[in-house]
Amino acid sequence: MRVLSVSAVSKVVVEISVVLGKTNLPIRQLLKMGRGAVIDLDAHHEDECMIYANGELIAKGEVMMVGEKIGISITEMISDLDL
C-alpha cells in the first residue's frame, strides 16, 4: 500500500460552493449593483443549504453564526446512493 504525502494532497484543488437560495435577476440590474448591495433570495433563515464540491452535491447543511462570521454546519452527507 502506498501512502500519499501531505504535499501531494495539498496540490489537489477542490472548489467548495454553498447555495443558500436562488433568485432571478436581470443582468442590467446586477450590473447596476454596487458594493454592499443586497440580493433577495427565495430562502428563509430555517431552510437548509446545499454544499457542492467541484460542482457535485456532497452535503446539506444549515447556516450558523460563529462570532461575527457566517459558518455552515453539515447536517447530512450525500452519497452516490442518495442521488
N, C-alpha and C. Protein backbone atom coordinates (compact mmCIF):
# COMPACT_ATOMS: atom_id res chain seq x y z
N MET A 1 0.84 -1.18 0.00
CA MET A 1 0.00 0.00 0.00
C MET A 1 0.88 1.23 0.00
N ARG A 2 0.53 2.19 -0.87
CA ARG A 2 1.31 3.42 -0.98
C ARG A 2 0.61 4.54 -0.22
N VAL A 3 1.33 5.25 0.60
CA VAL A 3 0.78 6.35 1.40
C VAL A 3 1.10 7.66 0.70
N LEU A 4 0.08 8.53 0.55
CA LEU A 4 0.29 9.84 -0.06
C LEU A 4 0.92 10.79 0.94
N SER A 5 1.83 11.59 0.46
CA SER A 5 2.43 12.58 1.34
C SER A 5 1.51 13.79 1.44
N VAL A 6 1.70 14.58 2.48
CA VAL A 6 0.89 15.78 2.68
C VAL A 6 1.07 16.73 1.51
N SER A 7 2.27 16.82 0.95
CA SER A 7 2.50 17.73 -0.17
C SER A 7 1.71 17.31 -1.41
N ALA A 8 1.52 16.01 -1.61
CA ALA A 8 0.73 15.54 -2.75
C ALA A 8 -0.74 15.91 -2.58
N VAL A 9 -1.26 15.77 -1.38
CA VAL A 9 -2.66 16.09 -1.11
C VAL A 9 -2.88 17.60 -1.17
N SER A 10 -1.91 18.39 -0.75
CA SER A 10 -2.07 19.84 -0.73
C SER A 10 -2.15 20.43 -2.14
N LYS A 11 -1.78 19.67 -3.15
CA LYS A 11 -1.85 20.14 -4.54
C LYS A 11 -3.21 19.89 -5.17
N VAL A 12 -4.08 19.15 -4.49
CA VAL A 12 -5.41 18.85 -5.02
C VAL A 12 -6.31 20.07 -4.82
N VAL A 13 -6.93 20.51 -5.90
CA VAL A 13 -7.80 21.68 -5.85
C VAL A 13 -9.25 21.23 -5.74
N VAL A 14 -9.93 21.73 -4.72
CA VAL A 14 -11.36 21.44 -4.53
C VAL A 14 -12.07 22.77 -4.35
N GLU A 15 -13.04 23.03 -5.22
CA GLU A 15 -13.83 24.26 -5.12
C GLU A 15 -15.11 23.94 -4.34
N ILE A 16 -15.29 24.60 -3.21
CA ILE A 16 -16.47 24.40 -2.37
C ILE A 16 -17.44 25.56 -2.61
N SER A 17 -18.69 25.22 -2.89
CA SER A 17 -19.75 26.21 -3.09
C SER A 17 -20.90 25.87 -2.16
N VAL A 18 -21.51 26.90 -1.60
CA VAL A 18 -22.68 26.72 -0.74
C VAL A 18 -23.81 27.55 -1.33
N VAL A 19 -24.93 26.89 -1.63
CA VAL A 19 -26.09 27.58 -2.18
C VAL A 19 -27.08 27.82 -1.04
N LEU A 20 -27.28 29.09 -0.72
CA LEU A 20 -28.19 29.47 0.35
C LEU A 20 -29.60 29.67 -0.17
N GLY A 21 -29.75 30.05 -1.41
CA GLY A 21 -31.04 30.30 -2.02
C GLY A 21 -30.82 30.73 -3.45
N LYS A 22 -31.92 31.01 -4.15
CA LYS A 22 -31.84 31.39 -5.56
C LYS A 22 -32.76 32.57 -5.82
N THR A 23 -32.49 33.25 -6.93
CA THR A 23 -33.36 34.32 -7.39
C THR A 23 -33.14 34.53 -8.87
N ASN A 24 -34.08 35.16 -9.54
CA ASN A 24 -33.92 35.58 -10.93
C ASN A 24 -33.66 37.07 -10.93
N LEU A 25 -32.61 37.49 -11.63
CA LEU A 25 -32.20 38.88 -11.63
C LEU A 25 -31.72 39.25 -13.02
N PRO A 26 -32.31 40.28 -13.64
CA PRO A 26 -31.83 40.71 -14.96
C PRO A 26 -30.38 41.18 -14.89
N ILE A 27 -29.62 40.90 -15.93
CA ILE A 27 -28.21 41.30 -15.97
C ILE A 27 -28.05 42.80 -15.76
N ARG A 28 -28.92 43.61 -16.36
CA ARG A 28 -28.80 45.07 -16.22
C ARG A 28 -28.92 45.50 -14.76
N GLN A 29 -29.78 44.82 -14.00
CA GLN A 29 -29.93 45.15 -12.58
C GLN A 29 -28.69 44.72 -11.80
N LEU A 30 -28.15 43.56 -12.14
CA LEU A 30 -26.93 43.07 -11.49
C LEU A 30 -25.77 44.02 -11.73
N LEU A 31 -25.63 44.51 -12.96
CA LEU A 31 -24.54 45.42 -13.30
C LEU A 31 -24.65 46.77 -12.59
N LYS A 32 -25.86 47.17 -12.23
CA LYS A 32 -26.07 48.44 -11.53
C LYS A 32 -25.74 48.36 -10.04
N MET A 33 -25.66 47.14 -9.52
CA MET A 33 -25.42 46.97 -8.08
C MET A 33 -24.00 47.35 -7.71
N GLY A 34 -23.87 47.95 -6.57
CA GLY A 34 -22.56 48.32 -6.07
C GLY A 34 -22.20 47.49 -4.84
N ARG A 35 -21.08 47.82 -4.29
CA ARG A 35 -20.62 47.14 -3.07
C ARG A 35 -21.64 47.32 -1.95
N GLY A 36 -21.95 46.25 -1.25
CA GLY A 36 -22.89 46.29 -0.15
C GLY A 36 -24.34 46.09 -0.57
N ALA A 37 -24.57 45.90 -1.88
CA ALA A 37 -25.94 45.68 -2.35
C ALA A 37 -26.47 44.36 -1.80
N VAL A 38 -27.77 44.30 -1.57
CA VAL A 38 -28.40 43.10 -1.04
C VAL A 38 -29.27 42.48 -2.12
N ILE A 39 -29.13 41.16 -2.31
CA ILE A 39 -29.94 40.43 -3.27
C ILE A 39 -30.89 39.53 -2.49
N ASP A 40 -32.19 39.71 -2.69
CA ASP A 40 -33.19 38.89 -2.01
C ASP A 40 -33.20 37.49 -2.61
N LEU A 41 -33.15 36.48 -1.75
CA LEU A 41 -33.19 35.08 -2.18
C LEU A 41 -34.52 34.46 -1.79
N ASP A 42 -34.81 33.30 -2.37
CA ASP A 42 -36.07 32.61 -2.08
C ASP A 42 -35.98 31.73 -0.84
N ALA A 43 -34.99 31.93 -0.01
CA ALA A 43 -34.76 31.09 1.17
C ALA A 43 -35.12 31.84 2.45
N HIS A 44 -35.41 31.06 3.48
CA HIS A 44 -35.68 31.61 4.81
C HIS A 44 -34.56 31.17 5.75
N HIS A 45 -34.48 31.79 6.92
CA HIS A 45 -33.38 31.51 7.83
C HIS A 45 -33.36 30.06 8.33
N GLU A 46 -34.47 29.36 8.27
CA GLU A 46 -34.51 27.97 8.74
C GLU A 46 -34.27 26.95 7.62
N ASP A 47 -34.21 27.41 6.37
CA ASP A 47 -34.02 26.50 5.24
C ASP A 47 -32.62 25.92 5.23
N GLU A 48 -32.50 24.68 4.73
CA GLU A 48 -31.18 24.09 4.63
C GLU A 48 -30.49 24.60 3.37
N CYS A 49 -29.17 24.54 3.36
CA CYS A 49 -28.40 24.95 2.20
C CYS A 49 -27.75 23.71 1.58
N MET A 50 -27.36 23.84 0.33
CA MET A 50 -26.73 22.75 -0.41
C MET A 50 -25.23 23.03 -0.52
N ILE A 51 -24.41 22.01 -0.27
CA ILE A 51 -22.96 22.16 -0.30
C ILE A 51 -22.42 21.34 -1.46
N TYR A 52 -21.67 22.00 -2.35
CA TYR A 52 -21.12 21.36 -3.55
C TYR A 52 -19.60 21.35 -3.49
N ALA A 53 -19.00 20.28 -3.99
CA ALA A 53 -17.55 20.20 -4.17
C ALA A 53 -17.31 19.94 -5.65
N ASN A 54 -16.61 20.85 -6.29
CA ASN A 54 -16.36 20.77 -7.74
C ASN A 54 -17.65 20.54 -8.52
N GLY A 55 -18.72 21.20 -8.12
CA GLY A 55 -19.99 21.14 -8.83
C GLY A 55 -20.87 19.95 -8.49
N GLU A 56 -20.43 19.08 -7.62
CA GLU A 56 -21.20 17.90 -7.23
C GLU A 56 -21.79 18.09 -5.83
N LEU A 57 -23.08 17.83 -5.68
CA LEU A 57 -23.72 17.94 -4.37
C LEU A 57 -23.13 16.88 -3.44
N ILE A 58 -22.55 17.32 -2.31
CA ILE A 58 -21.93 16.38 -1.38
C ILE A 58 -22.60 16.37 -0.01
N ALA A 59 -23.32 17.47 0.32
CA ALA A 59 -23.91 17.53 1.66
C ALA A 59 -24.99 18.60 1.71
N LYS A 60 -25.77 18.55 2.77
CA LYS A 60 -26.74 19.59 3.10
C LYS A 60 -26.35 20.13 4.46
N GLY A 61 -26.69 21.37 4.72
CA GLY A 61 -26.32 21.97 5.99
C GLY A 61 -27.23 23.11 6.37
N GLU A 62 -26.85 23.76 7.44
CA GLU A 62 -27.61 24.93 7.89
C GLU A 62 -26.63 26.04 8.24
N VAL A 63 -27.08 27.26 8.03
CA VAL A 63 -26.26 28.44 8.28
C VAL A 63 -26.21 28.71 9.77
N MET A 64 -25.03 29.06 10.26
CA MET A 64 -24.88 29.40 11.68
C MET A 64 -23.90 30.56 11.81
N MET A 65 -24.01 31.28 12.87
CA MET A 65 -23.09 32.38 13.15
C MET A 65 -21.98 31.89 14.07
N VAL A 66 -20.73 32.21 13.70
CA VAL A 66 -19.57 31.88 14.52
C VAL A 66 -18.89 33.21 14.83
N GLY A 67 -19.21 33.75 15.98
CA GLY A 67 -18.74 35.10 16.30
C GLY A 67 -19.41 36.08 15.34
N GLU A 68 -18.60 36.81 14.58
CA GLU A 68 -19.13 37.73 13.59
C GLU A 68 -19.09 37.14 12.19
N LYS A 69 -18.71 35.88 12.07
CA LYS A 69 -18.60 35.23 10.77
C LYS A 69 -19.76 34.26 10.56
N ILE A 70 -20.04 34.00 9.29
CA ILE A 70 -21.08 33.04 8.94
C ILE A 70 -20.42 31.70 8.67
N GLY A 71 -20.98 30.63 9.22
CA GLY A 71 -20.46 29.29 9.01
C GLY A 71 -21.58 28.37 8.53
N ILE A 72 -21.21 27.18 8.12
CA ILE A 72 -22.18 26.17 7.69
C ILE A 72 -21.96 24.92 8.54
N SER A 73 -23.03 24.44 9.14
CA SER A 73 -23.00 23.20 9.91
C SER A 73 -23.57 22.10 9.01
N ILE A 74 -22.79 21.06 8.74
CA ILE A 74 -23.25 19.96 7.89
C ILE A 74 -24.24 19.11 8.66
N THR A 75 -25.43 18.93 8.08
CA THR A 75 -26.48 18.14 8.73
C THR A 75 -26.69 16.80 8.05
N GLU A 76 -26.27 16.68 6.79
CA GLU A 76 -26.48 15.42 6.06
C GLU A 76 -25.44 15.29 4.96
N MET A 77 -24.76 14.15 4.94
CA MET A 77 -23.83 13.85 3.85
C MET A 77 -24.60 13.13 2.75
N ILE A 78 -24.28 13.44 1.50
CA ILE A 78 -24.95 12.83 0.35
C ILE A 78 -24.02 11.79 -0.24
N SER A 79 -24.51 10.57 -0.38
CA SER A 79 -23.71 9.52 -1.02
C SER A 79 -24.24 9.29 -2.43
N ASP A 80 -23.49 8.53 -3.24
CA ASP A 80 -23.92 8.22 -4.61
C ASP A 80 -25.26 7.50 -4.60
N LEU A 81 -25.55 6.76 -3.56
CA LEU A 81 -26.80 6.01 -3.47
C LEU A 81 -28.00 6.93 -3.26
N ASP A 82 -27.76 8.12 -2.68
CA ASP A 82 -28.85 9.07 -2.42
C ASP A 82 -29.29 9.79 -3.68
N LEU A 83 -28.42 9.84 -4.70
CA LEU A 83 -28.71 10.63 -5.91
C LEU A 83 -29.61 9.92 -6.87
